[in-house]
Amino acid sequence: MLEPTSDKHYEEKFEFPLWKLIKEYAEENDISYLQASEKIVPEYVKTIRYRDIEFEESEVKKRAEEMMLLKK
């Protein structure tokens, strides 16, 4: 059987930075991961430098269409 990675314990060693922040915040404040993510993710997103213009435009278009449907 093939190993999923070249290092047998890779999955145990690596943690995504966002997950690490959520986990730490949850443990420090004795709250659930969901509650911690609601606090951490909005601030974390502000630090991301990549901007997906197509995604942003599609979201704006969706909201505009929703508003037009509400007016009818």
PDB file of N, CA and C in Angstrom:
ATOM      1  N   MET A   1       0.843  -1.181   0.000  1.00  0.00           N
ATOM      2  CA  MET A   1       0.000   0.000   0.000  1.00  0.00           C
ATOM      3  C   MET A   1       0.890   1.246   0.000  1.00  0.00           C
ATOM      4  N   LEU A   2       0.489   2.253  -0.759  1.00  0.00           N
ATOM      5  CA  LEU A   2       1.262   3.481  -0.852  1.00  0.00           C
ATOM      6  C   LEU A   2       0.976   4.405   0.323  1.00  0.00           C
ATOM      7  N   GLU A   3       2.021   5.050   0.788  1.00  0.00           N
ATOM      8  CA  GLU A   3       1.866   6.059   1.835  1.00  0.00           C
ATOM      9  C   GLU A   3       1.320   7.344   1.192  1.00  0.00           C
ATOM     10  N   PRO A   4       0.445   8.090   1.861  1.00  0.00           N
ATOM     11  CA  PRO A   4      -0.108   9.314   1.275  1.00  0.00           C
ATOM     12  C   PRO A   4       0.931  10.414   1.064  1.00  0.00           C
ATOM     13  N   THR A   5       2.021  10.392   1.818  1.00  0.00           N
ATOM     14  CA  THR A   5       3.093  11.372   1.649  1.00  0.00           C
ATOM     15  C   THR A   5       4.429  10.665   1.757  1.00  0.00           C
ATOM     16  N   SER A   6       5.489  11.378   1.401  1.00  0.00           N
ATOM     17  CA  SER A   6       6.814  10.784   1.502  1.00  0.00           C
ATOM     18  C   SER A   6       7.246  10.645   2.959  1.00  0.00           C
ATOM     19  N   ASP A   7       6.751  11.510   3.829  1.00  0.00           N
ATOM     20  CA  ASP A   7       7.069  11.437   5.249  1.00  0.00           C
ATOM     21  C   ASP A   7       5.878  10.808   5.965  1.00  0.00           C
ATOM     22  N   LYS A   8       6.107   9.716   6.622  1.00  0.00           N
ATOM     23  CA  LYS A   8       5.031   8.956   7.245  1.00  0.00           C
ATOM     24  C   LYS A   8       4.210   9.787   8.239  1.00  0.00           C
ATOM     25  N   HIS A   9       4.848  10.726   8.930  1.00  0.00           N
ATOM     26  CA  HIS A   9       4.160  11.501   9.965  1.00  0.00           C
ATOM     27  C   HIS A   9       3.916  12.948   9.553  1.00  0.00           C
ATOM     28  N   TYR A  10       3.901  13.214   8.285  1.00  0.00           N
ATOM     29  CA  TYR A  10       3.722  14.579   7.784  1.00  0.00           C
ATOM     30  C   TYR A  10       2.435  15.208   8.303  1.00  0.00           C
ATOM     31  N   GLU A  11       1.337  14.478   8.264  1.00  0.00           N
ATOM     32  CA  GLU A  11       0.050  15.021   8.668  1.00  0.00           C
ATOM     33  C   GLU A  11       0.053  15.445  10.133  1.00  0.00           C
ATOM     34  N   GLU A  12       0.808  14.759  10.963  1.00  0.00           N
ATOM     35  CA  GLU A  12       0.862  15.092  12.379  1.00  0.00           C
ATOM     36  C   GLU A  12       1.701  16.336  12.635  1.00  0.00           C
ATOM     37  N   LYS A  13       2.672  16.607  11.791  1.00  0.00           N
ATOM     38  CA  LYS A  13       3.596  17.715  12.011  1.00  0.00           C
ATOM     39  C   LYS A  13       3.057  19.047  11.499  1.00  0.00           C
ATOM     40  N   PHE A  14       2.305  19.034  10.426  1.00  0.00           N
ATOM     41  CA  PHE A  14       1.883  20.273   9.776  1.00  0.00           C
ATOM     42  C   PHE A  14       0.500  20.704  10.239  1.00  0.00           C
ATOM     43  N   GLU A  15       0.348  22.002  10.515  1.00  0.00           N
ATOM     44  CA  GLU A  15      -0.960  22.591  10.792  1.00  0.00           C
ATOM     45  C   GLU A  15      -1.086  23.853   9.949  1.00  0.00           C
ATOM     46  N   PHE A  16      -2.228  24.028   9.331  1.00  0.00           N
ATOM     47  CA  PHE A  16      -2.454  25.249   8.572  1.00  0.00           C
ATOM     48  C   PHE A  16      -2.443  26.430   9.538  1.00  0.00           C
ATOM     49  N   PRO A  17      -1.843  27.544   9.139  1.00  0.00           N
ATOM     50  CA  PRO A  17      -1.767  28.712  10.026  1.00  0.00           C
ATOM     51  C   PRO A  17      -3.134  29.192  10.521  1.00  0.00           C
ATOM     52  N   LEU A  18      -4.122  29.201   9.644  1.00  0.00           N
ATOM     53  CA  LEU A  18      -5.457  29.641  10.057  1.00  0.00           C
ATOM     54  C   LEU A  18      -6.035  28.702  11.110  1.00  0.00           C
ATOM     55  N   TRP A  19      -5.886  27.402  10.887  1.00  0.00           N
ATOM     56  CA  TRP A  19      -6.398  26.423  11.850  1.00  0.00           C
ATOM     57  C   TRP A  19      -5.692  26.588  13.190  1.00  0.00           C
ATOM     58  N   LYS A  20      -4.393  26.852  13.157  1.00  0.00           N
ATOM     59  CA  LYS A  20      -3.626  27.037  14.387  1.00  0.00           C
ATOM     60  C   LYS A  20      -4.150  28.248  15.168  1.00  0.00           C
ATOM     61  N   LEU A  21      -4.434  29.349  14.467  1.00  0.00           N
ATOM     62  CA  LEU A  21      -4.979  30.543  15.120  1.00  0.00           C
ATOM     63  C   LEU A  21      -6.349  30.267  15.748  1.00  0.00           C
ATOM     64  N   ILE A  22      -7.203  29.566  15.003  1.00  0.00           N
ATOM     65  CA  ILE A  22      -8.544  29.241  15.500  1.00  0.00           C
ATOM     66  C   ILE A  22      -8.449  28.365  16.739  1.00  0.00           C
ATOM     67  N   LYS A  23      -7.612  27.350  16.655  1.00  0.00           N
ATOM     68  CA  LYS A  23      -7.448  26.406  17.762  1.00  0.00           C
ATOM     69  C   LYS A  23      -6.922  27.116  19.017  1.00  0.00           C
ATOM     70  N   GLU A  24      -5.909  27.951  18.849  1.00  0.00           N
ATOM     71  CA  GLU A  24      -5.340  28.680  19.986  1.00  0.00           C
ATOM     72  C   GLU A  24      -6.378  29.609  20.615  1.00  0.00           C
ATOM     73  N   TYR A  25      -7.114  30.331  19.777  1.00  0.00           N
ATOM     74  CA  TYR A  25      -8.125  31.263  20.285  1.00  0.00           C
ATOM     75  C   TYR A  25      -9.222  30.512  21.046  1.00  0.00           C
ATOM     76  N   ALA A  26      -9.643  29.381  20.501  1.00  0.00           N
ATOM     77  CA  ALA A  26     -10.687  28.584  21.146  1.00  0.00           C
ATOM     78  C   ALA A  26     -10.227  28.077  22.510  1.00  0.00           C
ATOM     79  N   GLU A  27      -8.990  27.610  22.577  1.00  0.00           N
ATOM     80  CA  GLU A  27      -8.474  27.091  23.845  1.00  0.00           C
ATOM     81  C   GLU A  27      -8.268  28.207  24.867  1.00  0.00           C
ATOM     82  N   GLU A  28      -7.781  29.361  24.422  1.00  0.00           N
ATOM     83  CA  GLU A  28      -7.551  30.489  25.336  1.00  0.00           C
ATOM     84  C   GLU A  28      -8.853  31.020  25.920  1.00  0.00           C
ATOM     85  N   ASN A  29      -9.911  31.018  25.115  1.00  0.00           N
ATOM     86  CA  ASN A  29     -11.187  31.599  25.539  1.00  0.00           C
ATOM     87  C   ASN A  29     -12.227  30.564  25.931  1.00  0.00           C
ATOM     88  N   ASP A  30     -11.846  29.289  25.923  1.00  0.00           N
ATOM     89  CA  ASP A  30     -12.733  28.189  26.299  1.00  0.00           C
ATOM     90  C   ASP A  30     -14.056  28.246  25.532  1.00  0.00           C
ATOM     91  N   ILE A  31     -13.926  28.336  24.195  1.00  0.00           N
ATOM     92  CA  ILE A  31     -15.093  28.356  23.313  1.00  0.00           C
ATOM     93  C   ILE A  31     -14.907  27.300  22.225  1.00  0.00           C
ATOM     94  N   SER A  32     -15.952  27.063  21.451  1.00  0.00           N
ATOM     95  CA  SER A  32     -15.881  26.063  20.380  1.00  0.00           C
ATOM     96  C   SER A  32     -15.042  26.582  19.219  1.00  0.00           C
ATOM     97  N   TYR A  33     -14.615  25.660  18.370  1.00  0.00           N
ATOM     98  CA  TYR A  33     -13.849  26.048  17.183  1.00  0.00           C
ATOM     99  C   TYR A  33     -14.705  26.917  16.262  1.00  0.00           C
ATOM    100  N   LEU A  34     -15.991  26.618  16.186  1.00  0.00           N
ATOM    101  CA  LEU A  34     -16.892  27.423  15.350  1.00  0.00           C
ATOM    102  C   LEU A  34     -16.944  28.865  15.851  1.00  0.00           C
ATOM    103  N   GLN A  35     -17.122  29.029  17.143  1.00  0.00           N
ATOM    104  CA  GLN A  35     -17.169  30.379  17.708  1.00  0.00           C
ATOM    105  C   GLN A  35     -15.838  31.101  17.509  1.00  0.00           C
ATOM    106  N   ALA A  36     -14.747  30.383  17.669  1.00  0.00           N
ATOM    107  CA  ALA A  36     -13.423  30.982  17.468  1.00  0.00           C
ATOM    108  C   ALA A  36     -13.237  31.384  16.013  1.00  0.00           C
ATOM    109  N   SER A  37     -13.697  30.534  15.089  1.00  0.00           N
ATOM    110  CA  SER A  37     -13.537  30.856  13.666  1.00  0.00           C
ATOM    111  C   SER A  37     -14.334  32.099  13.293  1.00  0.00           C
ATOM    112  N   GLU A  38     -15.482  32.307  13.935  1.00  0.00           N
ATOM    113  CA  GLU A  38     -16.280  33.502  13.662  1.00  0.00           C
ATOM    114  C   GLU A  38     -15.546  34.775  14.081  1.00  0.00           C
ATOM    115  N   LYS A  39     -14.655  34.666  15.045  1.00  0.00           N
ATOM    116  CA  LYS A  39     -13.857  35.815  15.492  1.00  0.00           C
ATOM    117  C   LYS A  39     -12.578  35.960  14.671  1.00  0.00           C
ATOM    118  N   ILE A  40     -11.932  34.844  14.362  1.00  0.00           N
ATOM    119  CA  ILE A  40     -10.607  34.862  13.734  1.00  0.00           C
ATOM    120  C   ILE A  40     -10.667  35.085  12.228  1.00  0.00           C
ATOM    121  N   VAL A  41     -11.554  34.391  11.531  1.00  0.00           N
ATOM    122  CA  VAL A  41     -11.566  34.419  10.062  1.00  0.00           C
ATOM    123  C   VAL A  41     -11.744  35.830   9.484  1.00  0.00           C
ATOM    124  N   PRO A  42     -12.683  36.640   9.966  1.00  0.00           N
ATOM    125  CA  PRO A  42     -12.808  37.987   9.378  1.00  0.00           C
ATOM    126  C   PRO A  42     -11.518  38.812   9.468  1.00  0.00           C
ATOM    127  N   GLU A  43     -10.795  38.678  10.569  1.00  0.00           N
ATOM    128  CA  GLU A  43      -9.532  39.408  10.711  1.00  0.00           C
ATOM    129  C   GLU A  43      -8.442  38.784   9.847  1.00  0.00           C
ATOM    130  N   TYR A  44      -8.436  37.460   9.772  1.00  0.00           N
ATOM    131  CA  TYR A  44      -7.420  36.760   8.986  1.00  0.00           C
ATOM    132  C   TYR A  44      -7.559  37.085   7.499  1.00  0.00           C
ATOM    133  N   VAL A  45      -8.782  37.166   7.028  1.00  0.00           N
ATOM    134  CA  VAL A  45      -9.042  37.446   5.610  1.00  0.00           C
ATOM    135  C   VAL A  45      -8.462  38.802   5.210  1.00  0.00           C
ATOM    136  N   LYS A  46      -8.452  39.739   6.130  1.00  0.00           N
ATOM    137  CA  LYS A  46      -7.902  41.063   5.838  1.00  0.00           C
ATOM    138  C   LYS A  46      -6.411  41.014   5.533  1.00  0.00           C
ATOM    139  N   THR A  47      -5.725  39.962   5.971  1.00  0.00           N
ATOM    140  CA  THR A  47      -4.278  39.861   5.768  1.00  0.00           C
ATOM    141  C   THR A  47      -3.914  39.179   4.456  1.00  0.00           C
ATOM    142  N   ILE A  48      -4.897  38.613   3.764  1.00  0.00           N
ATOM    143  CA  ILE A  48      -4.619  37.909   2.514  1.00  0.00           C
ATOM    144  C   ILE A  48      -4.394  38.933   1.409  1.00  0.00           C
ATOM    145  N   ARG A  49      -3.278  38.826   0.732  1.00  0.00           N
ATOM    146  CA  ARG A  49      -2.931  39.812  -0.289  1.00  0.00           C
ATOM    147  C   ARG A  49      -3.536  39.492  -1.652  1.00  0.00           C
ATOM    148  N   TYR A  50      -3.861  38.244  -1.890  1.00  0.00           N
ATOM    149  CA  TYR A  50      -4.408  37.830  -3.180  1.00  0.00           C
ATOM    150  C   TYR A  50      -5.841  38.321  -3.310  1.00  0.00           C
ATOM    151  N   ARG A  51      -6.159  38.923  -4.435  1.00  0.00           N
ATOM    152  CA  ARG A  51      -7.524  39.364  -4.689  1.00  0.00           C
ATOM    153  C   ARG A  51      -8.039  38.677  -5.943  1.00  0.00           C
ATOM    154  N   ASP A  52      -9.169  38.038  -5.825  1.00  0.00           N
ATOM    155  CA  ASP A  52      -9.797  37.347  -6.942  1.00  0.00           C
ATOM    156  C   ASP A  52     -10.871  38.270  -7.514  1.00  0.00           C
ATOM    157  N   ILE A  53     -10.492  39.039  -8.514  1.00  0.00           N
ATOM    158  CA  ILE A  53     -11.386  40.039  -9.103  1.00  0.00           C
ATOM    159  C   ILE A  53     -12.634  39.387  -9.695  1.00  0.00           C
ATOM    160  N   GLU A  54     -12.463  38.263 -10.385  1.00  0.00           N
ATOM    161  CA  GLU A  54     -13.616  37.592 -10.998  1.00  0.00           C
ATOM    162  C   GLU A  54     -14.616  37.153  -9.933  1.00  0.00           C
ATOM    163  N   PHE A  55     -14.119  36.597  -8.839  1.00  0.00           N
ATOM    164  CA  PHE A  55     -15.005  36.167  -7.759  1.00  0.00           C
ATOM    165  C   PHE A  55     -15.740  37.368  -7.167  1.00  0.00           C
ATOM    166  N   GLU A  56     -14.998  38.441  -6.903  1.00  0.00           N
ATOM    167  CA  GLU A  56     -15.616  39.636  -6.330  1.00  0.00           C
ATOM    168  C   GLU A  56     -16.710  40.178  -7.239  1.00  0.00           C
ATOM    169  N   GLU A  57     -16.422  40.245  -8.537  1.00  0.00           N
ATOM    170  CA  GLU A  57     -17.412  40.763  -9.479  1.00  0.00           C
ATOM    171  C   GLU A  57     -18.631  39.857  -9.565  1.00  0.00           C
ATOM    172  N   SER A  58     -18.415  38.543  -9.517  1.00  0.00           N
ATOM    173  CA  SER A  58     -19.555  37.624  -9.575  1.00  0.00           C
ATOM    174  C   SER A  58     -20.425  37.764  -8.330  1.00  0.00           C
ATOM    175  N   GLU A  59     -19.800  37.991  -7.166  1.00  0.00           N
ATOM    176  CA  GLU A  59     -20.571  38.178  -5.935  1.00  0.00           C
ATOM    177  C   GLU A  59     -21.372  39.479  -5.982  1.00  0.00           C
ATOM    178  N   VAL A  60     -20.777  40.531  -6.491  1.00  0.00           N
ATOM    179  CA  VAL A  60     -21.483  41.810  -6.626  1.00  0.00           C
ATOM    180  C   VAL A  60     -22.667  41.644  -7.574  1.00  0.00           C
ATOM    181  N   LYS A  61     -22.443  40.919  -8.667  1.00  0.00           N
ATOM    182  CA  LYS A  61     -23.514  40.687  -9.641  1.00  0.00           C
ATOM    183  C   LYS A  61     -24.658  39.888  -9.005  1.00  0.00           C
ATOM    184  N   LYS A  62     -24.324  38.863  -8.222  1.00  0.00           N
ATOM    185  CA  LYS A  62     -25.350  38.066  -7.548  1.00  0.00           C
ATOM    186  C   LYS A  62     -26.189  38.932  -6.616  1.00  0.00           C
ATOM    187  N   ARG A  63     -25.519  39.769  -5.835  1.00  0.00           N
ATOM    188  CA  ARG A  63     -26.240  40.642  -4.898  1.00  0.00           C
ATOM    189  C   ARG A  63     -27.137  41.624  -5.641  1.00  0.00           C
ATOM    190  N   ALA A  64     -26.654  42.148  -6.754  1.00  0.00           N
ATOM    191  CA  ALA A  64     -27.459  43.078  -7.549  1.00  0.00           C
ATOM    192  C   ALA A  64     -28.699  42.375  -8.086  1.00  0.00           C
ATOM    193  N   GLU A  65     -28.534  41.140  -8.553  1.00  0.00           N
ATOM    194  CA  GLU A  65     -29.678  40.374  -9.060  1.00  0.00           C
ATOM    195  C   GLU A  65     -30.670  40.084  -7.938  1.00  0.00           C
ATOM    196  N   GLU A  66     -30.159  39.762  -6.745  1.00  0.00           N
ATOM    197  CA  GLU A  66     -31.045  39.522  -5.603  1.00  0.00           C
ATOM    198  C   GLU A  66     -31.845  40.778  -5.264  1.00  0.00           C
ATOM    199  N   MET A  67     -31.185  41.914  -5.309  1.00  0.00           N
ATOM    200  CA  MET A  67     -31.866  43.174  -5.014  1.00  0.00           C
ATOM    201  C   MET A  67     -32.952  43.470  -6.049  1.00  0.00           C
ATOM    202  N   MET A  68     -32.667  43.170  -7.307  1.00  0.00           N
ATOM    203  CA  MET A  68     -33.657  43.391  -8.364  1.00  0.00           C
ATOM    204  C   MET A  68     -34.869  42.487  -8.154  1.00  0.00           C
ATOM    205  N   LEU A  69     -34.628  41.248  -7.723  1.00  0.00           N
ATOM    206  CA  LEU A  69     -35.737  40.327  -7.466  1.00  0.00           C
ATOM    207  C   LEU A  69     -36.585  40.808  -6.288  1.00  0.00           C
ATOM    208  N   LEU A  70     -35.949  41.389  -5.297  1.00  0.00           N
ATOM    209  CA  LEU A  70     -36.688  41.892  -4.138  1.00  0.00           C
ATOM    210  C   LEU A  70     -37.568  43.078  -4.495  1.00  0.00           C
ATOM    211  N   LYS A  71     -37.148  43.855  -5.468  1.00  0.00           N
ATOM    212  CA  LYS A  71     -37.911  45.040  -5.869  1.00  0.00           C
ATOM    213  C   LYS A  71     -39.174  44.673  -6.635  1.00  0.00           C
ATOM    214  N   LYS A  72     -39.197  43.481  -7.240  1.00  0.00           N
ATOM    215  CA  LYS A  72     -40.357  43.075  -8.049  1.00  0.00           C
ATOM    216  C   LYS A  72     -41.531  42.716  -7.190  1.00  0.00           C
TER     217      LYS A  72
END
